[in-house]
Amino acid sequence: GRCSTYEIPTDNQPGDVFVMGLRFHFVYDPQGWSCVGIITFIWLYNTYCIPKLILYPHYEEEHVSAAVIVAYYLVSFFCVASLVRASTADPGRLPQDPEIPYSESQNWETCNKCNKMRPKRSHHCSRCGHCIRKMDHHCPWINNCVGEDNHWLFLLLCFYTQFLSLFTLILNFCQYYYLQPLTKVKEDVTTIERMSSCPDDLLKPRKPWQQTFSEVFGTRWKIVWFIPFRQRQPLRASYQHANHV
């Protein structure tokens, strides 16, 4: 049959792997494999550590809802799915021997590297060894070219990577600048007391969280807690911990 400019090649080309009838495109490049390995390690680290260290503990303390955990896993899944699809999708390689219709011959040209006919705006990738339709660039982080057929997957990968990175950054910020201090105030324990006190002292009955927050902010009027333009008036506090410092 005739092969038009946008027809996907059906012949088996170097780098193609078929799994359950599906075609996967792989570029044999050790540098690219290393880059994909780094990206995969970072993804696995974040997907395992962030829920384990931040989300699940604060979910048990009712600081975060289950929807946040589900949203994080969902964004993480779409991120790695975009990485796999962008890495293994055919970027727009040309068939080995394309048959060019006479009406389209003016839109084709000869590649000066592989001497094959290709549509205009195509480019020969020296790493992949193929001419790629509307090639944008060769990306080592996906170990694949970015061309006409997988450009949209590359954009999705960029979007979900930025989304997941921002999500992780916000969770880390909340962990160290909000959730941890919030937990300590709620338990009426300072950082030094947590590090130095005996376990028996930390297991003593705690005051209600409203009382501990009122003592920290210096007022029982909760709406006033959020106003920084005031003087704190200390409330009477009962010190339950022995000083071991």
C-alpha atoms as a PDB file:
ATOM      1  CA  GLY A   1       0.000   0.000   0.000  1.00  0.00           C
ATOM      2  CA  ARG A   2       0.953   3.616  -0.261  1.00  0.00           C
ATOM      3  CA  CYS A   3       2.489   5.391   2.699  1.00  0.00           C
ATOM      4  CA  SER A   4       1.361   8.961   3.242  1.00  0.00           C
ATOM      5  CA  THR A   5       3.165  11.506   5.351  1.00  0.00           C
ATOM      6  CA  TYR A   6       1.238  10.618   8.510  1.00  0.00           C
ATOM      7  CA  GLU A   7       1.013   6.846   8.157  1.00  0.00           C
ATOM      8  CA  ILE A   8       2.501   4.825  10.993  1.00  0.00           C
ATOM      9  CA  PRO A   9       5.040   2.233   9.790  1.00  0.00           C
ATOM     10  CA  THR A  10       3.825  -1.326  10.169  1.00  0.00           C
ATOM     11  CA  ASP A  11       7.112  -3.085   9.423  1.00  0.00           C
ATOM     12  CA  ASN A  12       9.332  -4.364  12.238  1.00  0.00           C
ATOM     13  CA  GLN A  13      12.163  -1.881  12.755  1.00  0.00           C
ATOM     14  CA  PRO A  14      15.279  -2.047  14.970  1.00  0.00           C
ATOM     15  CA  GLY A  15      14.409  -1.247  18.572  1.00  0.00           C
ATOM     16  CA  ASP A  16      10.830  -2.528  18.330  1.00  0.00           C
ATOM     17  CA  VAL A  17       9.613  -4.984  20.952  1.00  0.00           C
ATOM     18  CA  PHE A  18       6.197  -6.604  20.784  1.00  0.00           C
ATOM     19  CA  VAL A  19       4.415  -7.526  24.023  1.00  0.00           C
ATOM     20  CA  MET A  20       0.931  -9.052  23.801  1.00  0.00           C
ATOM     21  CA  GLY A  21       0.559  -7.644  20.322  1.00  0.00           C
ATOM     22  CA  LEU A  22       1.558  -4.113  21.352  1.00  0.00           C
ATOM     23  CA  ARG A  23       4.575  -2.386  19.780  1.00  0.00           C
ATOM     24  CA  PHE A  24       7.093  -0.774  22.146  1.00  0.00           C
ATOM     25  CA  HIS A  25       9.972   1.327  20.865  1.00  0.00           C
ATOM     26  CA  PHE A  26      13.295   1.174  22.740  1.00  0.00           C
ATOM     27  CA  VAL A  27      16.489   3.067  22.018  1.00  0.00           C
ATOM     28  CA  TYR A  28      19.658   1.148  22.901  1.00  0.00           C
ATOM     29  CA  ASP A  29      21.579   3.972  24.556  1.00  0.00           C
ATOM     30  CA  PRO A  30      23.338   3.402  27.938  1.00  0.00           C
ATOM     31  CA  GLN A  31      23.294   7.131  28.703  1.00  0.00           C
ATOM     32  CA  GLY A  32      19.560   7.223  28.139  1.00  0.00           C
ATOM     33  CA  TRP A  33      19.057   4.132  30.295  1.00  0.00           C
ATOM     34  CA  SER A  34      20.988   5.845  33.096  1.00  0.00           C
ATOM     35  CA  CYS A  35      18.826   8.970  32.867  1.00  0.00           C
ATOM     36  CA  VAL A  36      15.604   6.957  32.890  1.00  0.00           C
ATOM     37  CA  GLY A  37      16.951   4.964  35.853  1.00  0.00           C
ATOM     38  CA  ILE A  38      17.589   8.187  37.813  1.00  0.00           C
ATOM     39  CA  ILE A  39      14.091   9.459  37.067  1.00  0.00           C
ATOM     40  CA  THR A  40      12.562   6.117  38.073  1.00  0.00           C
ATOM     41  CA  PHE A  41      14.523   6.041  41.339  1.00  0.00           C
ATOM     42  CA  ILE A  42      13.368   9.568  42.260  1.00  0.00           C
ATOM     43  CA  TRP A  43       9.780   8.620  41.451  1.00  0.00           C
ATOM     44  CA  LEU A  44       9.950   5.431  43.550  1.00  0.00           C
ATOM     45  CA  TYR A  45      11.559   7.310  46.450  1.00  0.00           C
ATOM     46  CA  ASN A  46       8.893  10.015  46.503  1.00  0.00           C
ATOM     47  CA  THR A  47       6.011   7.601  45.980  1.00  0.00           C
ATOM     48  CA  TYR A  48       7.153   5.442  48.912  1.00  0.00           C
ATOM     49  CA  CYS A  49       8.606   7.956  51.374  1.00  0.00           C
ATOM     50  CA  ILE A  50       6.168  10.854  51.141  1.00  0.00           C
ATOM     51  CA  PRO A  51       3.068   8.818  52.069  1.00  0.00           C
ATOM     52  CA  LYS A  52       4.958   6.760  54.672  1.00  0.00           C
ATOM     53  CA  LEU A  53       6.640   9.700  56.435  1.00  0.00           C
ATOM     54  CA  ILE A  54       4.093  12.482  55.965  1.00  0.00           C
ATOM     55  CA  LEU A  55       0.673  11.463  54.704  1.00  0.00           C
ATOM     56  CA  TYR A  56      -0.128   8.297  56.666  1.00  0.00           C
ATOM     57  CA  PRO A  57       1.038   9.552  60.110  1.00  0.00           C
ATOM     58  CA  HIS A  58      -0.923  12.785  59.779  1.00  0.00           C
ATOM     59  CA  TYR A  59      -3.916  10.926  58.368  1.00  0.00           C
ATOM     60  CA  GLU A  60      -4.003   8.872  61.572  1.00  0.00           C
ATOM     61  CA  GLU A  61      -3.846  12.124  63.534  1.00  0.00           C
ATOM     62  CA  GLU A  62      -6.657  13.534  61.348  1.00  0.00           C
ATOM     63  CA  HIS A  63      -4.503  16.372  60.049  1.00  0.00           C
ATOM     64  CA  VAL A  64      -4.988  15.373  56.400  1.00  0.00           C
ATOM     65  CA  SER A  65      -7.886  13.639  54.694  1.00  0.00           C
ATOM     66  CA  ALA A  66      -7.868  10.450  52.667  1.00  0.00           C
ATOM     67  CA  ALA A  67      -8.539  12.535  49.556  1.00  0.00           C
ATOM     68  CA  VAL A  68      -5.031  14.036  49.794  1.00  0.00           C
ATOM     69  CA  ILE A  69      -3.468  10.562  49.869  1.00  0.00           C
ATOM     70  CA  VAL A  70      -5.563   9.384  46.915  1.00  0.00           C
ATOM     71  CA  ALA A  71      -4.721  12.568  44.975  1.00  0.00           C
ATOM     72  CA  TYR A  72      -0.983  12.112  45.580  1.00  0.00           C
ATOM     73  CA  TYR A  73      -1.012   8.492  44.402  1.00  0.00           C
ATOM     74  CA  LEU A  74      -3.130   9.458  41.381  1.00  0.00           C
ATOM     75  CA  VAL A  75      -0.741  12.218  40.290  1.00  0.00           C
ATOM     76  CA  SER A  76       2.210   9.893  40.882  1.00  0.00           C
ATOM     77  CA  PHE A  77       0.591   7.174  38.753  1.00  0.00           C
ATOM     78  CA  PHE A  78      -0.128   9.548  35.864  1.00  0.00           C
ATOM     79  CA  CYS A  79       3.449  10.819  36.076  1.00  0.00           C
ATOM     80  CA  VAL A  80       5.054   7.393  35.713  1.00  0.00           C
ATOM     81  CA  ALA A  81       2.470   6.353  33.111  1.00  0.00           C
ATOM     82  CA  SER A  82       3.408   9.389  31.009  1.00  0.00           C
ATOM     83  CA  LEU A  83       7.094   8.514  31.440  1.00  0.00           C
ATOM     84  CA  VAL A  84       6.577   4.935  30.248  1.00  0.00           C
ATOM     85  CA  ARG A  85       4.404   5.980  27.325  1.00  0.00           C
ATOM     86  CA  ALA A  86       6.745   8.785  26.215  1.00  0.00           C
ATOM     87  CA  SER A  87       9.776   6.478  26.506  1.00  0.00           C
ATOM     88  CA  THR A  88       8.320   3.543  24.588  1.00  0.00           C
ATOM     89  CA  ALA A  89       6.093   5.279  22.009  1.00  0.00           C
ATOM     90  CA  ASP A  90       7.179   5.588  18.402  1.00  0.00           C
ATOM     91  CA  PRO A  91       8.140   9.266  17.998  1.00  0.00           C
ATOM     92  CA  GLY A  92       7.312   9.257  14.295  1.00  0.00           C
ATOM     93  CA  ARG A  93       9.852   7.102  12.500  1.00  0.00           C
ATOM     94  CA  LEU A  94       9.513   6.600   8.775  1.00  0.00           C
ATOM     95  CA  PRO A  95       9.083   3.176   7.162  1.00  0.00           C
ATOM     96  CA  GLN A  96      12.160   1.551   5.687  1.00  0.00           C
ATOM     97  CA  ASP A  97      10.970   1.961   2.082  1.00  0.00           C
ATOM     98  CA  PRO A  98       8.155   4.496   1.897  1.00  0.00           C
ATOM     99  CA  GLU A  99       6.180   4.724  -1.319  1.00  0.00           C
ATOM    100  CA  ILE A 100       5.511   8.368  -2.017  1.00  0.00           C
ATOM    101  CA  PRO A 101       2.406   9.378  -3.966  1.00  0.00           C
ATOM    102  CA  TYR A 102       3.225  11.627  -6.910  1.00  0.00           C
ATOM    103  CA  SER A 103       0.901  14.336  -5.554  1.00  0.00           C
ATOM    104  CA  GLU A 104       2.989  14.555  -2.355  1.00  0.00           C
ATOM    105  CA  SER A 105       6.441  14.283  -3.873  1.00  0.00           C
ATOM    106  CA  GLN A 106       7.077  18.025  -3.585  1.00  0.00           C
ATOM    107  CA  ASN A 107       6.697  17.723   0.206  1.00  0.00           C
ATOM    108  CA  TRP A 108       9.472  15.141   0.485  1.00  0.00           C
ATOM    109  CA  GLU A 109      13.224  15.461   0.439  1.00  0.00           C
ATOM    110  CA  THR A 110      16.312  13.267   0.695  1.00  0.00           C
ATOM    111  CA  CYS A 111      18.073  12.944   4.044  1.00  0.00           C
ATOM    112  CA  ASN A 112      21.765  13.827   3.700  1.00  0.00           C
ATOM    113  CA  LYS A 113      22.710  11.305   6.437  1.00  0.00           C
ATOM    114  CA  CYS A 114      20.790   8.133   5.617  1.00  0.00           C
ATOM    115  CA  ASN A 115      19.908   8.999   1.985  1.00  0.00           C
ATOM    116  CA  LYS A 116      16.271   8.054   2.528  1.00  0.00           C
ATOM    117  CA  MET A 117      13.270  10.022   1.450  1.00  0.00           C
ATOM    118  CA  ARG A 118      11.507  11.850   4.239  1.00  0.00           C
ATOM    119  CA  PRO A 119       8.817  14.523   4.610  1.00  0.00           C
ATOM    120  CA  LYS A 120       9.971  18.085   5.015  1.00  0.00           C
ATOM    121  CA  ARG A 121      10.380  19.260   8.628  1.00  0.00           C
ATOM    122  CA  SER A 122      11.752  15.814   9.485  1.00  0.00           C
ATOM    123  CA  HIS A 123      15.155  15.422  11.103  1.00  0.00           C
ATOM    124  CA  HIS A 124      17.671  12.592  11.344  1.00  0.00           C
ATOM    125  CA  CYS A 125      18.517  11.673  14.943  1.00  0.00           C
ATOM    126  CA  SER A 126      22.096  10.479  15.285  1.00  0.00           C
ATOM    127  CA  ARG A 127      21.355   8.650  18.560  1.00  0.00           C
ATOM    128  CA  CYS A 128      18.279   6.802  17.330  1.00  0.00           C
ATOM    129  CA  GLY A 129      19.554   6.374  13.779  1.00  0.00           C
ATOM    130  CA  HIS A 130      16.182   7.238  12.237  1.00  0.00           C
ATOM    131  CA  CYS A 131      14.523  10.122  10.501  1.00  0.00           C
ATOM    132  CA  ILE A 132      11.728  11.432  12.733  1.00  0.00           C
ATOM    133  CA  ARG A 133       8.735  13.405  11.500  1.00  0.00           C
ATOM    134  CA  LYS A 134       8.605  16.901  13.022  1.00  0.00           C
ATOM    135  CA  MET A 135      11.394  16.002  15.426  1.00  0.00           C
ATOM    136  CA  ASP A 136      11.653  18.461  18.305  1.00  0.00           C
ATOM    137  CA  HIS A 137      14.706  17.042  20.091  1.00  0.00           C
ATOM    138  CA  HIS A 138      16.207  13.853  21.484  1.00  0.00           C
ATOM    139  CA  CYS A 139      15.515  13.719  25.226  1.00  0.00           C
ATOM    140  CA  PRO A 140      17.913  11.537  27.261  1.00  0.00           C
ATOM    141  CA  TRP A 141      15.543  11.642  30.253  1.00  0.00           C
ATOM    142  CA  ILE A 142      13.023   9.522  28.346  1.00  0.00           C
ATOM    143  CA  ASN A 143      15.691   7.835  26.175  1.00  0.00           C
ATOM    144  CA  ASN A 144      13.686   8.653  23.080  1.00  0.00           C
ATOM    145  CA  CYS A 145      13.142  11.300  20.469  1.00  0.00           C
ATOM    146  CA  VAL A 146      10.316  13.782  20.821  1.00  0.00           C
ATOM    147  CA  GLY A 147       8.533  13.823  17.480  1.00  0.00           C
ATOM    148  CA  GLU A 148       5.159  14.125  15.889  1.00  0.00           C
ATOM    149  CA  ASP A 149       3.648  10.980  17.413  1.00  0.00           C
ATOM    150  CA  ASN A 150       4.817  11.319  21.040  1.00  0.00           C
ATOM    151  CA  HIS A 151       5.130  15.084  21.507  1.00  0.00           C
ATOM    152  CA  TRP A 152       1.820  15.114  23.372  1.00  0.00           C
ATOM    153  CA  LEU A 153       3.075  12.407  25.742  1.00  0.00           C
ATOM    154  CA  PHE A 154       6.217  14.425  26.432  1.00  0.00           C
ATOM    155  CA  LEU A 155       4.077  17.461  27.307  1.00  0.00           C
ATOM    156  CA  LEU A 156       1.966  15.336  29.645  1.00  0.00           C
ATOM    157  CA  LEU A 157       5.147  14.048  31.293  1.00  0.00           C
ATOM    158  CA  CYS A 158       6.380  17.606  31.849  1.00  0.00           C
ATOM    159  CA  PHE A 159       3.000  18.623  33.283  1.00  0.00           C
ATOM    160  CA  TYR A 160       2.629  15.713  35.702  1.00  0.00           C
ATOM    161  CA  THR A 161       6.296  15.925  36.736  1.00  0.00           C
ATOM    162  CA  GLN A 162       5.877  19.582  37.647  1.00  0.00           C
ATOM    163  CA  PHE A 163       2.563  18.830  39.360  1.00  0.00           C
ATOM    164  CA  LEU A 164       4.056  15.978  41.395  1.00  0.00           C
ATOM    165  CA  SER A 165       7.141  18.036  42.287  1.00  0.00           C
ATOM    166  CA  LEU A 166       4.979  20.950  43.452  1.00  0.00           C
ATOM    167  CA  PHE A 167       2.724  18.558  45.386  1.00  0.00           C
ATOM    168  CA  THR A 168       5.755  17.004  47.100  1.00  0.00           C
ATOM    169  CA  LEU A 169       7.289  20.421  47.844  1.00  0.00           C
ATOM    170  CA  ILE A 170       4.058  21.638  49.455  1.00  0.00           C
ATOM    171  CA  LEU A 171       3.787  18.476  51.562  1.00  0.00           C
ATOM    172  CA  ASN A 172       7.403  18.814  52.713  1.00  0.00           C
ATOM    173  CA  PHE A 173       6.865  22.474  53.548  1.00  0.00           C
ATOM    174  CA  CYS A 174       3.698  21.676  55.500  1.00  0.00           C
ATOM    175  CA  GLN A 175       5.446  18.817  57.284  1.00  0.00           C
ATOM    176  CA  TYR A 176       8.333  20.858  58.663  1.00  0.00           C
ATOM    177  CA  TYR A 177       6.726  24.290  58.995  1.00  0.00           C
ATOM    178  CA  TYR A 178       3.132  23.454  59.905  1.00  0.00           C
ATOM    179  CA  LEU A 179       2.207  19.837  60.711  1.00  0.00           C
ATOM    180  CA  GLN A 180       5.123  19.035  63.018  1.00  0.00           C
ATOM    181  CA  PRO A 181       4.822  22.300  65.001  1.00  0.00           C
ATOM    182  CA  LEU A 182       1.049  21.813  65.051  1.00  0.00           C
ATOM    183  CA  THR A 183       1.416  18.328  66.524  1.00  0.00           C
ATOM    184  CA  LYS A 184       3.844  19.526  69.193  1.00  0.00           C
ATOM    185  CA  VAL A 185       1.553  22.356  70.251  1.00  0.00           C
ATOM    186  CA  LYS A 186      -1.466  20.043  70.267  1.00  0.00           C
ATOM    187  CA  GLU A 187       0.430  17.592  72.514  1.00  0.00           C
ATOM    188  CA  ASP A 188       1.776  20.458  74.647  1.00  0.00           C
ATOM    189  CA  VAL A 189       5.351  19.275  74.084  1.00  0.00           C
ATOM    190  CA  THR A 190       8.284  21.409  72.961  1.00  0.00           C
ATOM    191  CA  THR A 191      11.031  20.130  70.668  1.00  0.00           C
ATOM    192  CA  ILE A 192      13.555  20.020  73.528  1.00  0.00           C
ATOM    193  CA  GLU A 193      11.119  18.160  75.774  1.00  0.00           C
ATOM    194  CA  ARG A 194      10.415  15.616  73.046  1.00  0.00           C
ATOM    195  CA  MET A 195      14.143  15.033  72.562  1.00  0.00           C
ATOM    196  CA  SER A 196      15.078  14.894  76.280  1.00  0.00           C
ATOM    197  CA  SER A 197      12.065  13.763  78.311  1.00  0.00           C
ATOM    198  CA  CYS A 198      11.497  10.238  79.436  1.00  0.00           C
ATOM    199  CA  PRO A 199       8.790   8.204  77.695  1.00  0.00           C
ATOM    200  CA  ASP A 200       6.743   8.112  80.929  1.00  0.00           C
ATOM    201  CA  ASP A 201       6.570  11.901  80.966  1.00  0.00           C
ATOM    202  CA  LEU A 202       5.374  12.039  77.365  1.00  0.00           C
ATOM    203  CA  LEU A 203       2.571   9.581  78.142  1.00  0.00           C
ATOM    204  CA  LYS A 204       1.051  11.745  80.866  1.00  0.00           C
ATOM    205  CA  PRO A 205      -2.514  13.038  80.286  1.00  0.00           C
ATOM    206  CA  ARG A 206      -2.564  16.091  78.067  1.00  0.00           C
ATOM    207  CA  LYS A 207      -4.608  19.227  78.322  1.00  0.00           C
ATOM    208  CA  PRO A 208      -7.291  19.857  75.693  1.00  0.00           C
ATOM    209  CA  TRP A 209      -5.817  21.205  72.479  1.00  0.00           C
ATOM    210  CA  GLN A 210      -7.881  24.380  72.783  1.00  0.00           C
ATOM    211  CA  GLN A 211      -6.180  25.159  76.079  1.00  0.00           C
ATOM    212  CA  THR A 212      -2.657  24.515  74.798  1.00  0.00           C
ATOM    213  CA  PHE A 213      -3.246  26.680  71.727  1.00  0.00           C
ATOM    214  CA  SER A 214      -4.716  29.437  73.894  1.00  0.00           C
ATOM    215  CA  GLU A 215      -1.584  29.374  76.046  1.00  0.00           C
ATOM    216  CA  VAL A 216       0.661  29.535  72.963  1.00  0.00           C
ATOM    217  CA  PHE A 217      -1.220  32.415  71.332  1.00  0.00           C
ATOM    218  CA  GLY A 218      -1.930  34.229  74.608  1.00  0.00           C
ATOM    219  CA  THR A 219      -5.715  34.458  74.220  1.00  0.00           C
ATOM    220  CA  ARG A 220      -8.773  32.223  74.242  1.00  0.00           C
ATOM    221  CA  TRP A 221     -10.357  34.167  71.373  1.00  0.00           C
ATOM    222  CA  LYS A 222      -9.590  31.921  68.411  1.00  0.00           C
ATOM    223  CA  ILE A 223     -10.238  34.607  65.805  1.00  0.00           C
ATOM    224  CA  VAL A 224      -7.492  36.701  67.373  1.00  0.00           C
ATOM    225  CA  TRP A 225      -4.927  33.906  66.910  1.00  0.00           C
ATOM    226  CA  PHE A 226      -4.500  34.884  63.250  1.00  0.00           C
ATOM    227  CA  ILE A 227      -3.766  38.576  63.903  1.00  0.00           C
ATOM    228  CA  PRO A 228      -0.025  39.326  64.130  1.00  0.00           C
ATOM    229  CA  PHE A 229      -0.476  43.026  65.049  1.00  0.00           C
ATOM    230  CA  ARG A 230      -1.024  42.572  68.788  1.00  0.00           C
ATOM    231  CA  GLN A 231       0.781  41.933  72.045  1.00  0.00           C
ATOM    232  CA  ARG A 232       0.627  38.444  73.490  1.00  0.00           C
ATOM    233  CA  GLN A 233      -0.765  38.252  77.004  1.00  0.00           C
ATOM    234  CA  PRO A 234       0.489  35.108  78.778  1.00  0.00           C
ATOM    235  CA  LEU A 235      -2.135  32.828  80.282  1.00  0.00           C
ATOM    236  CA  ARG A 236      -1.676  30.744  83.368  1.00  0.00           C
ATOM    237  CA  ALA A 237      -0.183  27.386  82.390  1.00  0.00           C
ATOM    238  CA  SER A 238       0.413  24.290  84.455  1.00  0.00           C
ATOM    239  CA  TYR A 239       3.781  22.759  83.734  1.00  0.00           C
ATOM    240  CA  GLN A 240       3.391  18.997  83.831  1.00  0.00           C
ATOM    241  CA  HIS A 241       6.841  17.983  82.679  1.00  0.00           C
ATOM    242  CA  ALA A 242       9.904  17.737  84.803  1.00  0.00           C
ATOM    243  CA  ASN A 243      12.883  19.585  83.407  1.00  0.00           C
ATOM    244  CA  HIS A 244      15.484  17.025  82.360  1.00  0.00           C
ATOM    245  CA  VAL A 245      17.651  19.468  80.434  1.00  0.00           C
END
